[in-house]
N, C-alpha and C. Protein backbone atom coordinates (compact mmCIF):
# COMPACT_ATOMS: atom_id res chain seq x y z
N UNK A 1 0.83 -1.20 0.00
CA UNK A 1 0.00 0.00 0.00
C UNK A 1 0.87 1.26 0.00
N UNK A 2 1.97 1.20 0.73
CA UNK A 2 2.85 2.36 0.79
C UNK A 2 3.38 2.73 -0.60
N UNK A 3 3.70 1.70 -1.40
CA UNK A 3 4.19 1.93 -2.75
C UNK A 3 3.12 2.58 -3.61
N UNK A 4 1.88 2.12 -3.50
CA UNK A 4 0.79 2.70 -4.27
C UNK A 4 0.58 4.16 -3.89
N UNK A 5 0.68 4.47 -2.61
CA UNK A 5 0.55 5.86 -2.16
C UNK A 5 1.66 6.71 -2.77
N UNK A 6 2.88 6.19 -2.79
CA UNK A 6 4.01 6.92 -3.36
C UNK A 6 3.80 7.16 -4.86
N UNK A 7 3.26 6.18 -5.56
CA UNK A 7 2.98 6.34 -6.99
C UNK A 7 1.93 7.42 -7.19
N UNK A 8 0.89 7.40 -6.39
CA UNK A 8 -0.15 8.43 -6.48
C UNK A 8 0.43 9.82 -6.26
N UNK A 9 1.29 9.96 -5.28
CA UNK A 9 1.89 11.26 -4.98
C UNK A 9 2.79 11.73 -6.12
N UNK A 10 3.49 10.81 -6.75
CA UNK A 10 4.36 11.17 -7.88
C UNK A 10 3.51 11.68 -9.05
N UNK A 11 2.39 11.02 -9.32
CA UNK A 11 1.49 11.44 -10.39
C UNK A 11 0.96 12.84 -10.10
N UNK A 12 0.51 13.06 -8.87
CA UNK A 12 0.00 14.37 -8.48
C UNK A 12 1.08 15.44 -8.64
N UNK A 13 2.28 15.14 -8.21
CA UNK A 13 3.39 16.08 -8.31
C UNK A 13 3.64 16.48 -9.77
N UNK A 14 3.64 15.53 -10.65
CA UNK A 14 3.91 15.83 -12.06
C UNK A 14 2.78 16.63 -12.70
N UNK A 15 1.54 16.32 -12.35
CA UNK A 15 0.41 17.09 -12.87
C UNK A 15 0.49 18.55 -12.42
N UNK A 16 0.77 18.74 -11.15
CA UNK A 16 0.87 20.11 -10.62
C UNK A 16 2.07 20.84 -11.20
N UNK A 17 3.18 20.14 -11.41
CA UNK A 17 4.36 20.75 -12.00
C UNK A 17 4.06 21.22 -13.42
N UNK A 18 3.36 20.41 -14.19
CA UNK A 18 3.00 20.79 -15.56
C UNK A 18 2.16 22.07 -15.54
N UNK A 19 1.13 22.10 -14.70
CA UNK A 19 0.26 23.27 -14.63
C UNK A 19 1.04 24.50 -14.17
N UNK A 20 1.89 24.35 -13.19
CA UNK A 20 2.69 25.45 -12.69
C UNK A 20 3.61 26.00 -13.77
N UNK A 21 4.24 25.12 -14.52
CA UNK A 21 5.13 25.55 -15.60
C UNK A 21 4.39 26.29 -16.71
N UNK A 22 3.07 26.10 -16.76
CA UNK A 22 2.27 26.77 -17.78
C UNK A 22 1.42 27.91 -17.19
N UNK A 23 1.89 28.45 -16.07
CA UNK A 23 1.33 29.68 -15.54
C UNK A 23 0.14 29.57 -14.61
N UNK A 24 -0.22 28.37 -14.18
CA UNK A 24 -1.39 28.22 -13.31
C UNK A 24 -1.24 29.02 -12.02
N UNK A 25 -2.32 29.67 -11.63
CA UNK A 25 -2.33 30.46 -10.40
C UNK A 25 -3.06 29.74 -9.28
N UNK A 26 -4.09 29.01 -9.63
CA UNK A 26 -4.88 28.28 -8.64
C UNK A 26 -5.00 26.83 -9.06
N UNK A 27 -4.85 25.95 -8.08
CA UNK A 27 -4.99 24.52 -8.32
C UNK A 27 -6.08 23.97 -7.42
N UNK A 28 -6.84 23.07 -7.96
CA UNK A 28 -7.77 22.31 -7.15
C UNK A 28 -7.49 20.85 -7.48
N UNK A 29 -7.15 20.08 -6.47
CA UNK A 29 -6.80 18.69 -6.67
C UNK A 29 -7.80 17.80 -5.96
N UNK A 30 -8.31 16.82 -6.68
CA UNK A 30 -9.21 15.85 -6.09
C UNK A 30 -8.61 14.47 -6.33
N UNK A 31 -8.41 13.73 -5.28
CA UNK A 31 -7.89 12.37 -5.36
C UNK A 31 -8.96 11.45 -4.81
N UNK A 32 -9.45 10.55 -5.66
CA UNK A 32 -10.49 9.61 -5.26
C UNK A 32 -9.91 8.21 -5.25
N UNK A 33 -9.78 7.63 -4.08
CA UNK A 33 -9.26 6.27 -3.96
C UNK A 33 -10.46 5.36 -3.72
N UNK A 34 -10.76 4.56 -4.73
CA UNK A 34 -11.92 3.67 -4.66
C UNK A 34 -11.45 2.22 -4.68
N UNK A 35 -12.38 1.32 -4.58
CA UNK A 35 -12.03 -0.10 -4.50
C UNK A 35 -11.27 -0.60 -5.73
N UNK A 36 -11.71 -0.19 -6.92
CA UNK A 36 -11.13 -0.74 -8.14
C UNK A 36 -10.35 0.27 -8.97
N UNK A 37 -10.30 1.51 -8.53
CA UNK A 37 -9.58 2.52 -9.28
C UNK A 37 -9.21 3.70 -8.41
N UNK A 38 -8.24 4.45 -8.91
CA UNK A 38 -7.84 5.72 -8.30
C UNK A 38 -8.03 6.77 -9.38
N UNK A 39 -8.66 7.87 -9.01
CA UNK A 39 -8.91 8.93 -9.97
C UNK A 39 -8.26 10.22 -9.47
N UNK A 40 -7.57 10.89 -10.39
CA UNK A 40 -6.91 12.16 -10.12
C UNK A 40 -7.60 13.22 -10.96
N UNK A 41 -8.04 14.29 -10.32
CA UNK A 41 -8.66 15.38 -11.06
C UNK A 41 -7.97 16.67 -10.62
N UNK A 42 -7.29 17.31 -11.57
CA UNK A 42 -6.62 18.58 -11.29
C UNK A 42 -7.30 19.65 -12.13
N UNK A 43 -7.76 20.70 -11.47
CA UNK A 43 -8.33 21.85 -12.15
C UNK A 43 -7.40 23.03 -11.86
N UNK A 44 -6.93 23.66 -12.92
CA UNK A 44 -6.00 24.77 -12.76
C UNK A 44 -6.47 25.95 -13.61
N UNK A 45 -6.39 27.15 -13.04
CA UNK A 45 -6.81 28.34 -13.78
C UNK A 45 -5.61 29.18 -14.17
N UNK A 46 -5.83 30.02 -15.17
CA UNK A 46 -4.81 30.90 -15.74
C UNK A 46 -3.68 30.10 -16.39
N UNK A 47 -4.02 28.95 -16.95
CA UNK A 47 -3.05 28.11 -17.65
C UNK A 47 -2.97 28.59 -19.10
N UNK A 48 -1.75 28.66 -19.60
CA UNK A 48 -1.55 29.05 -20.99
C UNK A 48 -0.80 27.93 -21.70
N UNK A 49 -1.49 27.26 -22.63
CA UNK A 49 -0.87 26.23 -23.45
C UNK A 49 -1.30 26.41 -24.90
N UNK A 50 -0.38 26.13 -25.78
CA UNK A 50 -0.69 26.20 -27.21
C UNK A 50 -1.38 24.91 -27.63
N UNK A 51 -1.90 24.94 -28.84
CA UNK A 51 -2.55 23.74 -29.38
C UNK A 51 -1.53 22.60 -29.49
N UNK A 52 -0.32 22.93 -29.88
CA UNK A 52 0.75 21.93 -30.00
C UNK A 52 1.08 21.33 -28.63
N UNK A 53 1.16 22.17 -27.60
CA UNK A 53 1.44 21.67 -26.25
C UNK A 53 0.32 20.77 -25.75
N UNK A 54 -0.92 21.11 -26.10
CA UNK A 54 -2.06 20.25 -25.72
C UNK A 54 -1.95 18.89 -26.39
N UNK A 55 -1.60 18.90 -27.67
CA UNK A 55 -1.43 17.64 -28.41
C UNK A 55 -0.34 16.79 -27.78
N UNK A 56 0.77 17.42 -27.41
CA UNK A 56 1.88 16.70 -26.79
C UNK A 56 1.48 16.14 -25.43
N UNK A 57 0.75 16.92 -24.65
CA UNK A 57 0.28 16.46 -23.34
C UNK A 57 -0.60 15.23 -23.50
N UNK A 58 -1.57 15.31 -24.40
CA UNK A 58 -2.47 14.17 -24.62
C UNK A 58 -1.71 12.95 -25.13
N UNK A 59 -0.76 13.16 -26.00
CA UNK A 59 0.03 12.05 -26.54
C UNK A 59 0.81 11.36 -25.43
N UNK A 60 1.42 12.13 -24.56
CA UNK A 60 2.22 11.55 -23.48
C UNK A 60 1.35 10.84 -22.44
N UNK A 61 0.22 11.43 -22.12
CA UNK A 61 -0.64 10.81 -21.11
C UNK A 61 -1.39 9.58 -21.64
N UNK A 62 -1.57 9.50 -22.94
CA UNK A 62 -2.30 8.37 -23.52
C UNK A 62 -1.38 7.34 -24.16
N UNK A 63 -0.17 7.24 -23.67
CA UNK A 63 0.81 6.29 -24.21
C UNK A 63 0.40 4.84 -23.90
N UNK A 64 -0.39 4.63 -22.89
CA UNK A 64 -0.81 3.28 -22.50
C UNK A 64 -0.06 2.80 -21.27
N UNK A 65 -0.77 2.16 -20.38
CA UNK A 65 -0.18 1.71 -19.13
C UNK A 65 0.81 0.58 -19.37
N UNK A 66 1.91 0.67 -18.67
CA UNK A 66 2.96 -0.36 -18.73
C UNK A 66 3.38 -0.66 -17.30
N UNK A 67 2.68 -1.60 -16.72
CA UNK A 67 2.91 -1.94 -15.31
C UNK A 67 4.36 -2.31 -15.02
N UNK A 68 5.02 -2.94 -15.99
CA UNK A 68 6.41 -3.36 -15.77
C UNK A 68 7.35 -2.17 -15.62
N UNK A 69 6.95 -1.00 -16.13
CA UNK A 69 7.79 0.19 -16.04
C UNK A 69 7.65 0.90 -14.71
N UNK A 70 6.57 0.63 -14.00
CA UNK A 70 6.31 1.37 -12.76
C UNK A 70 7.43 1.20 -11.74
N UNK A 71 7.94 -0.02 -11.58
CA UNK A 71 9.01 -0.22 -10.61
C UNK A 71 10.30 0.45 -11.03
N UNK A 72 10.59 0.45 -12.34
CA UNK A 72 11.79 1.12 -12.84
C UNK A 72 11.73 2.61 -12.60
N UNK A 73 10.53 3.17 -12.65
CA UNK A 73 10.33 4.60 -12.46
C UNK A 73 10.87 5.06 -11.11
N UNK A 74 10.68 4.25 -10.10
CA UNK A 74 11.07 4.66 -8.75
C UNK A 74 12.57 4.57 -8.55
N UNK A 75 13.24 3.76 -9.36
CA UNK A 75 14.68 3.62 -9.24
C UNK A 75 15.43 4.80 -9.82
N UNK A 76 14.81 5.52 -10.72
CA UNK A 76 15.48 6.66 -11.36
C UNK A 76 15.50 7.84 -10.41
N UNK A 77 16.68 8.29 -10.06
CA UNK A 77 16.80 9.42 -9.15
C UNK A 77 16.81 10.73 -9.90
N UNK A 78 16.51 11.80 -9.21
CA UNK A 78 16.55 13.13 -9.81
C UNK A 78 15.37 13.39 -10.72
N UNK A 79 15.42 14.53 -11.36
CA UNK A 79 14.34 14.93 -12.28
C UNK A 79 14.90 15.09 -13.67
N UNK A 80 14.13 14.62 -14.60
CA UNK A 80 14.45 14.90 -15.99
C UNK A 80 13.49 15.99 -16.45
N UNK A 81 13.37 16.18 -17.75
CA UNK A 81 12.46 17.22 -18.20
C UNK A 81 11.00 16.81 -17.98
N UNK A 82 10.12 17.78 -17.94
CA UNK A 82 8.71 17.55 -17.65
C UNK A 82 8.07 16.61 -18.67
N UNK A 83 8.47 16.74 -19.94
CA UNK A 83 7.89 15.88 -20.96
C UNK A 83 8.16 14.41 -20.69
N UNK A 84 9.38 14.08 -20.28
CA UNK A 84 9.72 12.69 -19.97
C UNK A 84 8.95 12.23 -18.74
N UNK A 85 8.79 13.10 -17.77
CA UNK A 85 8.04 12.74 -16.56
C UNK A 85 6.58 12.48 -16.89
N UNK A 86 6.00 13.28 -17.76
CA UNK A 86 4.61 13.07 -18.16
C UNK A 86 4.45 11.77 -18.94
N UNK A 87 5.45 11.41 -19.70
CA UNK A 87 5.42 10.13 -20.41
C UNK A 87 5.40 8.98 -19.41
N UNK A 88 6.19 9.10 -18.35
CA UNK A 88 6.18 8.07 -17.30
C UNK A 88 4.82 8.01 -16.60
N UNK A 89 4.21 9.17 -16.36
CA UNK A 89 2.87 9.20 -15.78
C UNK A 89 1.91 8.47 -16.70
N UNK A 90 2.02 8.72 -18.01
CA UNK A 90 1.18 8.04 -18.98
C UNK A 90 1.31 6.53 -18.91
N UNK A 91 2.51 6.04 -18.57
CA UNK A 91 2.75 4.60 -18.45
C UNK A 91 2.19 4.03 -17.16
N UNK A 92 1.76 4.91 -16.24
CA UNK A 92 1.25 4.46 -14.94
C UNK A 92 -0.26 4.57 -14.83
N UNK A 93 -0.91 5.09 -15.86
CA UNK A 93 -2.36 5.30 -15.80
C UNK A 93 -3.06 4.54 -16.92
N UNK A 94 -4.34 4.34 -16.74
CA UNK A 94 -5.14 3.61 -17.72
C UNK A 94 -5.96 4.53 -18.62
N UNK A 95 -6.37 5.67 -18.11
CA UNK A 95 -7.19 6.61 -18.89
C UNK A 95 -6.79 8.03 -18.58
N UNK A 96 -6.84 8.88 -19.61
CA UNK A 96 -6.53 10.30 -19.42
C UNK A 96 -7.50 11.14 -20.24
N UNK A 97 -8.03 12.18 -19.61
CA UNK A 97 -8.89 13.16 -20.29
C UNK A 97 -8.41 14.54 -19.89
N UNK A 98 -8.31 15.41 -20.89
CA UNK A 98 -7.88 16.79 -20.64
C UNK A 98 -8.83 17.73 -21.35
N UNK A 99 -9.30 18.73 -20.63
CA UNK A 99 -10.09 19.78 -21.27
C UNK A 99 -9.41 21.12 -20.96
N UNK A 100 -9.53 22.03 -21.92
CA UNK A 100 -8.90 23.34 -21.77
C UNK A 100 -9.78 24.37 -22.45
N UNK A 101 -10.29 25.29 -21.64
CA UNK A 101 -11.15 26.35 -22.17
C UNK A 101 -11.04 27.57 -21.27
N UNK A 102 -10.91 28.74 -21.88
CA UNK A 102 -10.82 30.01 -21.15
C UNK A 102 -9.76 29.98 -20.06
N UNK A 103 -8.58 29.46 -20.40
CA UNK A 103 -7.43 29.39 -19.50
C UNK A 103 -7.66 28.47 -18.29
N UNK A 104 -8.66 27.62 -18.34
CA UNK A 104 -8.90 26.65 -17.27
C UNK A 104 -8.64 25.26 -17.84
N UNK A 105 -7.74 24.54 -17.19
CA UNK A 105 -7.41 23.19 -17.61
C UNK A 105 -7.90 22.20 -16.57
N UNK A 106 -8.56 21.16 -17.04
CA UNK A 106 -9.00 20.08 -16.16
C UNK A 106 -8.37 18.80 -16.68
N UNK A 107 -7.56 18.17 -15.86
CA UNK A 107 -6.91 16.91 -16.20
C UNK A 107 -7.50 15.83 -15.30
N UNK A 108 -8.05 14.80 -15.92
CA UNK A 108 -8.61 13.67 -15.18
C UNK A 108 -7.88 12.41 -15.60
N UNK A 109 -7.25 11.76 -14.64
CA UNK A 109 -6.53 10.52 -14.89
C UNK A 109 -7.15 9.40 -14.06
N UNK A 110 -7.18 8.21 -14.62
CA UNK A 110 -7.69 7.04 -13.90
C UNK A 110 -6.65 5.94 -13.94
N UNK A 111 -6.46 5.34 -12.79
CA UNK A 111 -5.52 4.23 -12.62
C UNK A 111 -6.28 3.07 -11.99
N UNK A 112 -6.43 1.99 -12.74
CA UNK A 112 -7.15 0.83 -12.21
C UNK A 112 -6.21 0.00 -11.32
N UNK A 113 -6.76 -0.48 -10.22
CA UNK A 113 -5.96 -1.30 -9.29
C UNK A 113 -6.10 -2.75 -9.59
């Protein structure tokens, strides 16, 4: 359970880092831990992303879950660039939805247990 909590916190950290790097002023984070899934919902305002950046975000988050990579992720020390980190998040989740309108971004990720 401790490992799952650490994975959840890493996902949250990367989502918030992405929003912060794109100018977010306010964050609202909802973490729902249910019997068969964990859902992450981040709502951030005053976010500025281009259409290309949105495409890249969606591509990285929808790479497909790779459970075998999750353990390797924790062995890597330090931080790489945000894009690589988001790709790793994409490998740890099963579903990703992103909406962006009027500088408000809502990222919803689901991880099945």
